[in-house]
Amino acid sequence: MEGIKGTAGLRASVAQYFAENASFPNGADLQNIEAGIEGKYYSAGGVALASGVITVNFSAGLLSGEALTLEPTQNAAGNQISGWRCAGLDVSYLPGSCQ
């Protein structure tokens, strides 16, 4: 799914920020890196970052008007991101890693 693939770099930046600061970043903390992310089904500015949660707002295609959220999950020690929880879309549109 494009929303997952297109945010790979941003997810890595969120994980690095969390590892270095022990807190989740907002867009301004990462110099608004999310503003430049765009894809075939969402445009630049269609991706937002707040408290570590990434939201992809789709503006074209079958999911136009829908939003995918990617929420970081922490390991048991609470000192690193161990995965991402996906929400906001029907499960049939999510890749296996999100279901």
PDB file of N, CA and C in Angstrom:
ATOM      1  N   MET A   1       0.845  -1.181   0.000  1.00  0.00           N
ATOM      2  CA  MET A   1       0.000   0.000   0.000  1.00  0.00           C
ATOM      3  C   MET A   1       0.885   1.238   0.000  1.00  0.00           C
ATOM      4  N   GLU A   2       0.524   2.182  -0.849  1.00  0.00           N
ATOM      5  CA  GLU A   2       1.333   3.383  -1.030  1.00  0.00           C
ATOM      6  C   GLU A   2       1.502   4.190   0.257  1.00  0.00           C
ATOM      7  N   GLY A   3       0.480   4.280   1.076  1.00  0.00           N
ATOM      8  CA  GLY A   3       0.580   5.055   2.316  1.00  0.00           C
ATOM      9  C   GLY A   3       1.613   4.498   3.276  1.00  0.00           C
ATOM     10  N   ILE A   4       1.794   3.183   3.259  1.00  0.00           N
ATOM     11  CA  ILE A   4       2.792   2.540   4.115  1.00  0.00           C
ATOM     12  C   ILE A   4       4.182   2.743   3.519  1.00  0.00           C
ATOM     13  N   LYS A   5       4.331   2.443   2.236  1.00  0.00           N
ATOM     14  CA  LYS A   5       5.632   2.565   1.575  1.00  0.00           C
ATOM     15  C   LYS A   5       6.116   4.011   1.550  1.00  0.00           C
ATOM     16  N   GLY A   6       5.220   4.925   1.258  1.00  0.00           N
ATOM     17  CA  GLY A   6       5.595   6.327   1.128  1.00  0.00           C
ATOM     18  C   GLY A   6       6.034   6.985   2.421  1.00  0.00           C
ATOM     19  N   THR A   7       5.677   6.395   3.535  1.00  0.00           N
ATOM     20  CA  THR A   7       6.051   6.984   4.823  1.00  0.00           C
ATOM     21  C   THR A   7       7.217   6.256   5.487  1.00  0.00           C
ATOM     22  N   ALA A   8       7.872   5.353   4.776  1.00  0.00           N
ATOM     23  CA  ALA A   8       8.971   4.575   5.371  1.00  0.00           C
ATOM     24  C   ALA A   8      10.066   5.476   5.935  1.00  0.00           C
ATOM     25  N   GLY A   9      10.472   6.481   5.181  1.00  0.00           N
ATOM     26  CA  GLY A   9      11.511   7.397   5.657  1.00  0.00           C
ATOM     27  C   GLY A   9      11.065   8.187   6.870  1.00  0.00           C
ATOM     28  N   LEU A  10       9.815   8.622   6.863  1.00  0.00           N
ATOM     29  CA  LEU A  10       9.279   9.369   8.000  1.00  0.00           C
ATOM     30  C   LEU A  10       9.192   8.478   9.231  1.00  0.00           C
ATOM     31  N   ARG A  11       8.753   7.239   9.059  1.00  0.00           N
ATOM     32  CA  ARG A  11       8.692   6.313  10.197  1.00  0.00           C
ATOM     33  C   ARG A  11      10.083   6.081  10.779  1.00  0.00           C
ATOM     34  N   ALA A  12      11.093   5.974   9.914  1.00  0.00           N
ATOM     35  CA  ALA A  12      12.470   5.809  10.395  1.00  0.00           C
ATOM     36  C   ALA A  12      12.924   7.047  11.167  1.00  0.00           C
ATOM     37  N   SER A  13      12.557   8.229  10.687  1.00  0.00           N
ATOM     38  CA  SER A  13      12.920   9.469  11.383  1.00  0.00           C
ATOM     39  C   SER A  13      12.234   9.570  12.735  1.00  0.00           C
ATOM     40  N   VAL A  14      10.977   9.148  12.811  1.00  0.00           N
ATOM     41  CA  VAL A  14      10.252   9.146  14.086  1.00  0.00           C
ATOM     42  C   VAL A  14      10.940   8.197  15.066  1.00  0.00           C
ATOM     43  N   ALA A  15      11.315   7.013  14.591  1.00  0.00           N
ATOM     44  CA  ALA A  15      11.983   6.035  15.456  1.00  0.00           C
ATOM     45  C   ALA A  15      13.317   6.566  15.960  1.00  0.00           C
ATOM     46  N   GLN A  16      14.076   7.214  15.084  1.00  0.00           N
ATOM     47  CA  GLN A  16      15.366   7.774  15.495  1.00  0.00           C
ATOM     48  C   GLN A  16      15.166   8.894  16.516  1.00  0.00           C
ATOM     49  N   TYR A  17      14.197   9.770  16.261  1.00  0.00           N
ATOM     50  CA  TYR A  17      13.915  10.865  17.194  1.00  0.00           C
ATOM     51  C   TYR A  17      13.537  10.307  18.566  1.00  0.00           C
ATOM     52  N   PHE A  18      12.687   9.295  18.575  1.00  0.00           N
ATOM     53  CA  PHE A  18      12.256   8.691  19.838  1.00  0.00           C
ATOM     54  C   PHE A  18      13.447   8.081  20.578  1.00  0.00           C
ATOM     55  N   ALA A  19      14.319   7.391  19.857  1.00  0.00           N
ATOM     56  CA  ALA A  19      15.486   6.769  20.482  1.00  0.00           C
ATOM     57  C   ALA A  19      16.418   7.812  21.096  1.00  0.00           C
ATOM     58  N   GLU A  20      16.523   8.965  20.461  1.00  0.00           N
ATOM     59  CA  GLU A  20      17.433  10.011  20.932  1.00  0.00           C
ATOM     60  C   GLU A  20      16.827  10.913  22.000  1.00  0.00           C
ATOM     61  N   ASN A  21      15.501  11.060  22.010  1.00  0.00           N
ATOM     62  CA  ASN A  21      14.855  12.039  22.885  1.00  0.00           C
ATOM     63  C   ASN A  21      13.886  11.452  23.899  1.00  0.00           C
ATOM     64  N   ALA A  22      13.585  10.169  23.792  1.00  0.00           N
ATOM     65  CA  ALA A  22      12.628   9.498  24.687  1.00  0.00           C
ATOM     66  C   ALA A  22      11.260  10.174  24.679  1.00  0.00           C
ATOM     67  N   SER A  23      10.904  10.754  23.539  1.00  0.00           N
ATOM     68  CA  SER A  23       9.577  11.345  23.361  1.00  0.00           C
ATOM     69  C   SER A  23       9.239  11.276  21.875  1.00  0.00           C
ATOM     70  N   PHE A  24       7.954  11.409  21.575  1.00  0.00           N
ATOM     71  CA  PHE A  24       7.521  11.352  20.181  1.00  0.00           C
ATOM     72  C   PHE A  24       7.546  12.745  19.568  1.00  0.00           C
ATOM     73  N   PRO A  25       7.960  12.840  18.303  1.00  0.00           N
ATOM     74  CA  PRO A  25       8.055  14.141  17.655  1.00  0.00           C
ATOM     75  C   PRO A  25       6.742  14.603  17.033  1.00  0.00           C
ATOM     76  N   ASN A  26       6.682  15.902  16.788  1.00  0.00           N
ATOM     77  CA  ASN A  26       5.653  16.514  15.962  1.00  0.00           C
ATOM     78  C   ASN A  26       6.331  16.936  14.666  1.00  0.00           C
ATOM     79  N   GLY A  27       5.582  17.413  13.716  1.00  0.00           N
ATOM     80  CA  GLY A  27       6.160  17.816  12.440  1.00  0.00           C
ATOM     81  C   GLY A  27       7.292  18.811  12.582  1.00  0.00           C
ATOM     82  N   ALA A  28       7.123  19.816  13.426  1.00  0.00           N
ATOM     83  CA  ALA A  28       8.150  20.840  13.599  1.00  0.00           C
ATOM     84  C   ALA A  28       9.436  20.258  14.174  1.00  0.00           C
ATOM     85  N   ASP A  29       9.337  19.213  14.975  1.00  0.00           N
ATOM     86  CA  ASP A  29      10.522  18.580  15.557  1.00  0.00           C
ATOM     87  C   ASP A  29      11.403  17.948  14.488  1.00  0.00           C
ATOM     88  N   LEU A  30      10.828  17.571  13.376  1.00  0.00           N
ATOM     89  CA  LEU A  30      11.572  16.960  12.272  1.00  0.00           C
ATOM     90  C   LEU A  30      11.622  17.899  11.075  1.00  0.00           C
ATOM     91  N   GLN A  31      11.596  19.195  11.336  1.00  0.00           N
ATOM     92  CA  GLN A  31      11.654  20.231  10.306  1.00  0.00           C
ATOM     93  C   GLN A  31      10.583  20.034   9.239  1.00  0.00           C
ATOM     94  N   ASN A  32       9.406  19.648   9.692  1.00  0.00           N
ATOM     95  CA  ASN A  32       8.249  19.467   8.808  1.00  0.00           C
ATOM     96  C   ASN A  32       8.544  18.536   7.635  1.00  0.00           C
ATOM     97  N   ILE A  33       9.306  17.486   7.897  1.00  0.00           N
ATOM     98  CA  ILE A  33       9.674  16.514   6.862  1.00  0.00           C
ATOM     99  C   ILE A  33       8.445  15.917   6.178  1.00  0.00           C
ATOM    100  N   GLU A  34       7.352  15.802   6.923  1.00  0.00           N
ATOM    101  CA  GLU A  34       6.163  15.177   6.342  1.00  0.00           C
ATOM    102  C   GLU A  34       5.527  16.016   5.243  1.00  0.00           C
ATOM    103  N   ALA A  35       5.791  17.323   5.224  1.00  0.00           N
ATOM    104  CA  ALA A  35       5.167  18.204   4.237  1.00  0.00           C
ATOM    105  C   ALA A  35       5.614  17.884   2.812  1.00  0.00           C
ATOM    106  N   GLY A  36       6.808  17.321   2.646  1.00  0.00           N
ATOM    107  CA  GLY A  36       7.316  17.030   1.311  1.00  0.00           C
ATOM    108  C   GLY A  36       7.008  15.637   0.803  1.00  0.00           C
ATOM    109  N   ILE A  37       6.324  14.841   1.589  1.00  0.00           N
ATOM    110  CA  ILE A  37       6.013  13.471   1.178  1.00  0.00           C
ATOM    111  C   ILE A  37       4.762  13.480   0.311  1.00  0.00           C
ATOM    112  N   GLU A  38       4.877  12.906  -0.864  1.00  0.00           N
ATOM    113  CA  GLU A  38       3.698  12.801  -1.720  1.00  0.00           C
ATOM    114  C   GLU A  38       3.744  11.507  -2.509  1.00  0.00           C
ATOM    115  N   GLY A  39       2.599  11.096  -2.975  1.00  0.00           N
ATOM    116  CA  GLY A  39       2.494   9.866  -3.740  1.00  0.00           C
ATOM    117  C   GLY A  39       1.402   9.997  -4.779  1.00  0.00           C
ATOM    118  N   LYS A  40       1.114   8.921  -5.440  1.00  0.00           N
ATOM    119  CA  LYS A  40       0.097   8.925  -6.490  1.00  0.00           C
ATOM    120  C   LYS A  40      -1.289   9.212  -5.928  1.00  0.00           C
ATOM    121  N   TYR A  41      -1.570   8.736  -4.705  1.00  0.00           N
ATOM    122  CA  TYR A  41      -2.912   8.846  -4.139  1.00  0.00           C
ATOM    123  C   TYR A  41      -3.037   9.859  -3.010  1.00  0.00           C
ATOM    124  N   TYR A  42      -1.962  10.539  -2.687  1.00  0.00           N
ATOM    125  CA  TYR A  42      -2.003  11.634  -1.716  1.00  0.00           C
ATOM    126  C   TYR A  42      -0.961  12.659  -2.138  1.00  0.00           C
ATOM    127  N   SER A  43      -1.225  13.920  -1.846  1.00  0.00           N
ATOM    128  CA  SER A  43      -0.342  14.983  -2.300  1.00  0.00           C
ATOM    129  C   SER A  43       0.534  15.492  -1.168  1.00  0.00           C
ATOM    130  N   ALA A  44       1.533  16.277  -1.527  1.00  0.00           N
ATOM    131  CA  ALA A  44       2.365  16.925  -0.518  1.00  0.00           C
ATOM    132  C   ALA A  44       1.428  17.718   0.383  1.00  0.00           C
ATOM    133  N   GLY A  45       1.616  17.633   1.647  1.00  0.00           N
ATOM    134  CA  GLY A  45       0.708  18.264   2.597  1.00  0.00           C
ATOM    135  C   GLY A  45      -0.390  17.322   3.042  1.00  0.00           C
ATOM    136  N   GLY A  46      -0.499  16.164   2.410  1.00  0.00           N
ATOM    137  CA  GLY A  46      -1.514  15.186   2.787  1.00  0.00           C
ATOM    138  C   GLY A  46      -1.054  14.237   3.870  1.00  0.00           C
ATOM    139  N   VAL A  47       0.187  14.422   4.328  1.00  0.00           N
ATOM    140  CA  VAL A  47       0.741  13.598   5.398  1.00  0.00           C
ATOM    141  C   VAL A  47       1.014  14.502   6.588  1.00  0.00           C
ATOM    142  N   ALA A  48       0.554  14.093   7.762  1.00  0.00           N
ATOM    143  CA  ALA A  48       0.740  14.896   8.970  1.00  0.00           C
ATOM    144  C   ALA A  48       1.384  14.048  10.061  1.00  0.00           C
ATOM    145  N   LEU A  49       2.130  14.724  10.946  1.00  0.00           N
ATOM    146  CA  LEU A  49       2.787  14.062  12.062  1.00  0.00           C
ATOM    147  C   LEU A  49       2.444  14.805  13.342  1.00  0.00           C
ATOM    148  N   ALA A  50       1.877  14.103  14.323  1.00  0.00           N
ATOM    149  CA  ALA A  50       1.538  14.698  15.616  1.00  0.00           C
ATOM    150  C   ALA A  50       1.777  13.668  16.709  1.00  0.00           C
ATOM    151  N   SER A  51       2.636  13.988  17.640  1.00  0.00           N
ATOM    152  CA  SER A  51       2.960  13.095  18.766  1.00  0.00           C
ATOM    153  C   SER A  51       3.365  11.700  18.296  1.00  0.00           C
ATOM    154  N   GLY A  52       4.120  11.644  17.206  1.00  0.00           N
ATOM    155  CA  GLY A  52       4.595  10.377  16.674  1.00  0.00           C
ATOM    156  C   GLY A  52       3.626   9.669  15.758  1.00  0.00           C
ATOM    157  N   VAL A  53       2.364  10.062  15.761  1.00  0.00           N
ATOM    158  CA  VAL A  53       1.345   9.422  14.921  1.00  0.00           C
ATOM    159  C   VAL A  53       1.369  10.065  13.531  1.00  0.00           C
ATOM    160  N   ILE A  54       1.493   9.227  12.519  1.00  0.00           N
ATOM    161  CA  ILE A  54       1.517   9.682  11.132  1.00  0.00           C
ATOM    162  C   ILE A  54       0.128   9.467  10.539  1.00  0.00           C
ATOM    163  N   THR A  55      -0.410  10.498   9.908  1.00  0.00           N
ATOM    164  CA  THR A  55      -1.707  10.400   9.244  1.00  0.00           C
ATOM    165  C   THR A  55      -1.521  10.687   7.763  1.00  0.00           C
ATOM    166  N   VAL A  56      -2.000   9.777   6.931  1.00  0.00           N
ATOM    167  CA  VAL A  56      -1.952   9.941   5.480  1.00  0.00           C
ATOM    168  C   VAL A  56      -3.379  10.174   5.010  1.00  0.00           C
ATOM    169  N   ASN A  57      -3.636  11.347   4.451  1.00  0.00           N
ATOM    170  CA  ASN A  57      -4.958  11.700   3.937  1.00  0.00           C
ATOM    171  C   ASN A  57      -4.966  11.479   2.431  1.00  0.00           C
ATOM    172  N   PHE A  58      -5.723  10.490   1.987  1.00  0.00           N
ATOM    173  CA  PHE A  58      -5.770  10.159   0.572  1.00  0.00           C
ATOM    174  C   PHE A  58      -6.651  11.157  -0.172  1.00  0.00           C
ATOM    175  N   SER A  59      -6.161  11.587  -1.353  1.00  0.00           N
ATOM    176  CA  SER A  59      -6.893  12.590  -2.129  1.00  0.00           C
ATOM    177  C   SER A  59      -7.243  12.113  -3.533  1.00  0.00           C
ATOM    178  N   ALA A  60      -6.922  10.866  -3.847  1.00  0.00           N
ATOM    179  CA  ALA A  60      -7.243  10.330  -5.175  1.00  0.00           C
ATOM    180  C   ALA A  60      -7.455   8.828  -5.072  1.00  0.00           C
ATOM    181  N   GLY A  61      -8.079   8.281  -6.083  1.00  0.00           N
ATOM    182  CA  GLY A  61      -8.276   6.839  -6.142  1.00  0.00           C
ATOM    183  C   GLY A  61      -9.409   6.347  -5.265  1.00  0.00           C
ATOM    184  N   LEU A  62      -9.443   5.051  -5.076  1.00  0.00           N
ATOM    185  CA  LEU A  62     -10.505   4.383  -4.329  1.00  0.00           C
ATOM    186  C   LEU A  62     -10.622   4.885  -2.891  1.00  0.00           C
ATOM    187  N   LEU A  63      -9.505   5.280  -2.283  1.00  0.00           N
ATOM    188  CA  LEU A  63      -9.508   5.717  -0.882  1.00  0.00           C
ATOM    189  C   LEU A  63      -9.591   7.233  -0.723  1.00  0.00           C
ATOM    190  N   SER A  64      -9.907   7.944  -1.787  1.00  0.00           N
ATOM    191  CA  SER A  64     -10.016   9.399  -1.708  1.00  0.00           C
ATOM    192  C   SER A  64     -10.968   9.804  -0.585  1.00  0.00           C
ATOM    193  N   GLY A  65     -10.517  10.714   0.252  1.00  0.00           N
ATOM    194  CA  GLY A  65     -11.320  11.166   1.387  1.00  0.00           C
ATOM    195  C   GLY A  65     -11.107  10.347   2.647  1.00  0.00           C
ATOM    196  N   GLU A  66     -10.370   9.251   2.545  1.00  0.00           N
ATOM    197  CA  GLU A  66     -10.078   8.389   3.700  1.00  0.00           C
ATOM    198  C   GLU A  66      -8.715   8.756   4.285  1.00  0.00           C
ATOM    199  N   ALA A  67      -8.471   8.331   5.518  1.00  0.00           N
ATOM    200  CA  ALA A  67      -7.189   8.601   6.173  1.00  0.00           C
ATOM    201  C   ALA A  67      -6.657   7.330   6.827  1.00  0.00           C
ATOM    202  N   LEU A  68      -5.375   7.115   6.669  1.00  0.00           N
ATOM    203  CA  LEU A  68      -4.666   6.006   7.310  1.00  0.00           C
ATOM    204  C   LEU A  68      -3.830   6.590   8.439  1.00  0.00           C
ATOM    205  N   THR A  69      -3.934   6.031   9.630  1.00  0.00           N
ATOM    206  CA  THR A  69      -3.070   6.466  10.723  1.00  0.00           C
ATOM    207  C   THR A  69      -2.096   5.349  11.071  1.00  0.00           C
ATOM    208  N   LEU A  70      -0.873   5.743  11.341  1.00  0.00           N
ATOM    209  CA  LEU A  70       0.195   4.831  11.736  1.00  0.00           C
ATOM    210  C   LEU A  70       0.686   5.287  13.103  1.00  0.00           C
ATOM    211  N   GLU A  71       0.412   4.488  14.105  1.00  0.00           N
ATOM    212  CA  GLU A  71       0.772   4.841  15.481  1.00  0.00           C
ATOM    213  C   GLU A  71       1.931   3.966  15.950  1.00  0.00           C
ATOM    214  N   PRO A  72       3.018   4.588  16.425  1.00  0.00           N
ATOM    215  CA  PRO A  72       4.153   3.793  16.879  1.00  0.00           C
ATOM    216  C   PRO A  72       3.824   3.014  18.150  1.00  0.00           C
ATOM    217  N   THR A  73       4.336   1.785  18.225  1.00  0.00           N
ATOM    218  CA  THR A  73       4.204   0.983  19.441  1.00  0.00           C
ATOM    219  C   THR A  73       5.603   0.796  20.020  1.00  0.00           C
ATOM    220  N   GLN A  74       5.689   0.792  21.333  1.00  0.00           N
ATOM    221  CA  GLN A  74       6.984   0.694  22.003  1.00  0.00           C
ATOM    222  C   GLN A  74       7.276  -0.735  22.440  1.00  0.00           C
ATOM    223  N   ASN A  75       8.558  -1.025  22.595  1.00  0.00           N
ATOM    224  CA  ASN A  75       8.948  -2.326  23.127  1.00  0.00           C
ATOM    225  C   ASN A  75       8.610  -2.379  24.617  1.00  0.00           C
ATOM    226  N   ALA A  76       8.789  -3.540  25.242  1.00  0.00           N
ATOM    227  CA  ALA A  76       8.418  -3.720  26.651  1.00  0.00           C
ATOM    228  C   ALA A  76       9.155  -2.756  27.572  1.00  0.00           C
ATOM    229  N   ALA A  77      10.395  -2.426  27.249  1.00  0.00           N
ATOM    230  CA  ALA A  77      11.171  -1.503  28.084  1.00  0.00           C
ATOM    231  C   ALA A  77      10.754  -0.051  27.861  1.00  0.00           C
ATOM    232  N   GLY A  78      10.013   0.209  26.779  1.00  0.00           N
ATOM    233  CA  GLY A  78       9.553   1.564  26.490  1.00  0.00           C
ATOM    234  C   GLY A  78      10.635   2.486  25.973  1.00  0.00           C
ATOM    235  N   ASN A  79      11.729   1.909  25.460  1.00  0.00           N
ATOM    236  CA  ASN A  79      12.825   2.772  25.027  1.00  0.00           C
ATOM    237  C   ASN A  79      13.074   2.758  23.518  1.00  0.00           C
ATOM    238  N   GLN A  80      12.245   2.064  22.768  1.00  0.00           N
ATOM    239  CA  GLN A  80      12.342   2.119  21.313  1.00  0.00           C
ATOM    240  C   GLN A  80      11.017   1.709  20.683  1.00  0.00           C
ATOM    241  N   ILE A  81      10.862   2.091  19.415  1.00  0.00           N
ATOM    242  CA  ILE A  81       9.657   1.738  18.670  1.00  0.00           C
ATOM    243  C   ILE A  81       9.826   0.321  18.136  1.00  0.00           C
ATOM    244  N   SER A  82       8.862  -0.530  18.443  1.00  0.00           N
ATOM    245  CA  SER A  82       8.946  -1.929  18.025  1.00  0.00           C
ATOM    246  C   SER A  82       8.059  -2.242  16.825  1.00  0.00           C
ATOM    247  N   GLY A  83       7.167  -1.341  16.476  1.00  0.00           N
ATOM    248  CA  GLY A  83       6.275  -1.567  15.348  1.00  0.00           C
ATOM    249  C   GLY A  83       5.339  -0.391  15.162  1.00  0.00           C
ATOM    250  N   TRP A  84       4.393  -0.568  14.266  1.00  0.00           N
ATOM    251  CA  TRP A  84       3.418   0.477  13.952  1.00  0.00           C
ATOM    252  C   TRP A  84       2.031  -0.135  13.883  1.00  0.00           C
ATOM    253  N   ARG A  85       1.074   0.481  14.546  1.00  0.00           N
ATOM    254  CA  ARG A  85      -0.320   0.051  14.530  1.00  0.00           C
ATOM    255  C   ARG A  85      -1.045   0.880  13.467  1.00  0.00           C
ATOM    256  N   CYS A  86      -1.731   0.214  12.564  1.00  0.00           N
ATOM    257  CA  CYS A  86      -2.454   0.886  11.485  1.00  0.00           C
ATOM    258  C   CYS A  86      -3.937   0.975  11.821  1.00  0.00           C
ATOM    259  N   ALA A  87      -4.560   2.076  11.453  1.00  0.00           N
ATOM    260  CA  ALA A  87      -5.992   2.256  11.700  1.00  0.00           C
ATOM    261  C   ALA A  87      -6.556   3.236  10.675  1.00  0.00           C
ATOM    262  N   GLY A  88      -7.865   3.318  10.664  1.00  0.00           N
ATOM    263  CA  GLY A  88      -8.548   4.308   9.848  1.00  0.00           C
ATOM    264  C   GLY A  88      -9.126   3.789   8.548  1.00  0.00           C
ATOM    265  N   LEU A  89      -8.629   2.661   8.067  1.00  0.00           N
ATOM    266  CA  LEU A  89      -9.129   2.096   6.818  1.00  0.00           C
ATOM    267  C   LEU A  89      -9.722   0.724   7.076  1.00  0.00           C
ATOM    268  N   ASP A  90     -10.623   0.314   6.200  1.00  0.00           N
ATOM    269  CA  ASP A  90     -11.155  -1.041   6.271  1.00  0.00           C
ATOM    270  C   ASP A  90      -9.987  -2.017   6.173  1.00  0.00           C
ATOM    271  N   VAL A  91     -10.020  -3.066   6.952  1.00  0.00           N
ATOM    272  CA  VAL A  91      -8.929  -4.036   7.013  1.00  0.00           C
ATOM    273  C   VAL A  91      -8.595  -4.624   5.644  1.00  0.00           C
ATOM    274  N   SER A  92      -9.549  -4.672   4.746  1.00  0.00           N
ATOM    275  CA  SER A  92      -9.293  -5.238   3.415  1.00  0.00           C
ATOM    276  C   SER A  92      -8.321  -4.386   2.598  1.00  0.00           C
ATOM    277  N   TYR A  93      -8.121  -3.119   2.973  1.00  0.00           N
ATOM    278  CA  TYR A  93      -7.198  -2.239   2.259  1.00  0.00           C
ATOM    279  C   TYR A  93      -5.818  -2.199   2.900  1.00  0.00           C
ATOM    280  N   LEU A  94      -5.659  -2.817   4.053  1.00  0.00           N
ATOM    281  CA  LEU A  94      -4.390  -2.769   4.767  1.00  0.00           C
ATOM    282  C   LEU A  94      -3.500  -3.943   4.378  1.00  0.00           C
ATOM    283  N   PRO A  95      -2.194  -3.708   4.304  1.00  0.00           N
ATOM    284  CA  PRO A  95      -1.289  -4.828   4.037  1.00  0.00           C
ATOM    285  C   PRO A  95      -1.255  -5.778   5.228  1.00  0.00           C
ATOM    286  N   GLY A  96      -0.787  -6.987   5.015  1.00  0.00           N
ATOM    287  CA  GLY A  96      -0.747  -7.993   6.075  1.00  0.00           C
ATOM    288  C   GLY A  96      -0.019  -7.532   7.315  1.00  0.00           C
ATOM    289  N   SER A  97       1.000  -6.687   7.160  1.00  0.00           N
ATOM    290  CA  SER A  97       1.764  -6.214   8.314  1.00  0.00           C
ATOM    291  C   SER A  97       0.935  -5.333   9.235  1.00  0.00           C
ATOM    292  N   CYS A  98      -0.185  -4.842   8.754  1.00  0.00           N
ATOM    293  CA  CYS A  98      -1.047  -3.966   9.560  1.00  0.00           C
ATOM    294  C   CYS A  98      -2.268  -4.684  10.114  1.00  0.00           C
ATOM    295  N   GLN A  99      -2.558  -5.866   9.639  1.00  0.00           N
ATOM    296  CA  GLN A  99      -3.799  -6.535  10.029  1.00  0.00           C
ATOM    297  C   GLN A  99      -3.654  -7.308  11.316  1.00  0.00           C
TER     298      GLN A  99
END
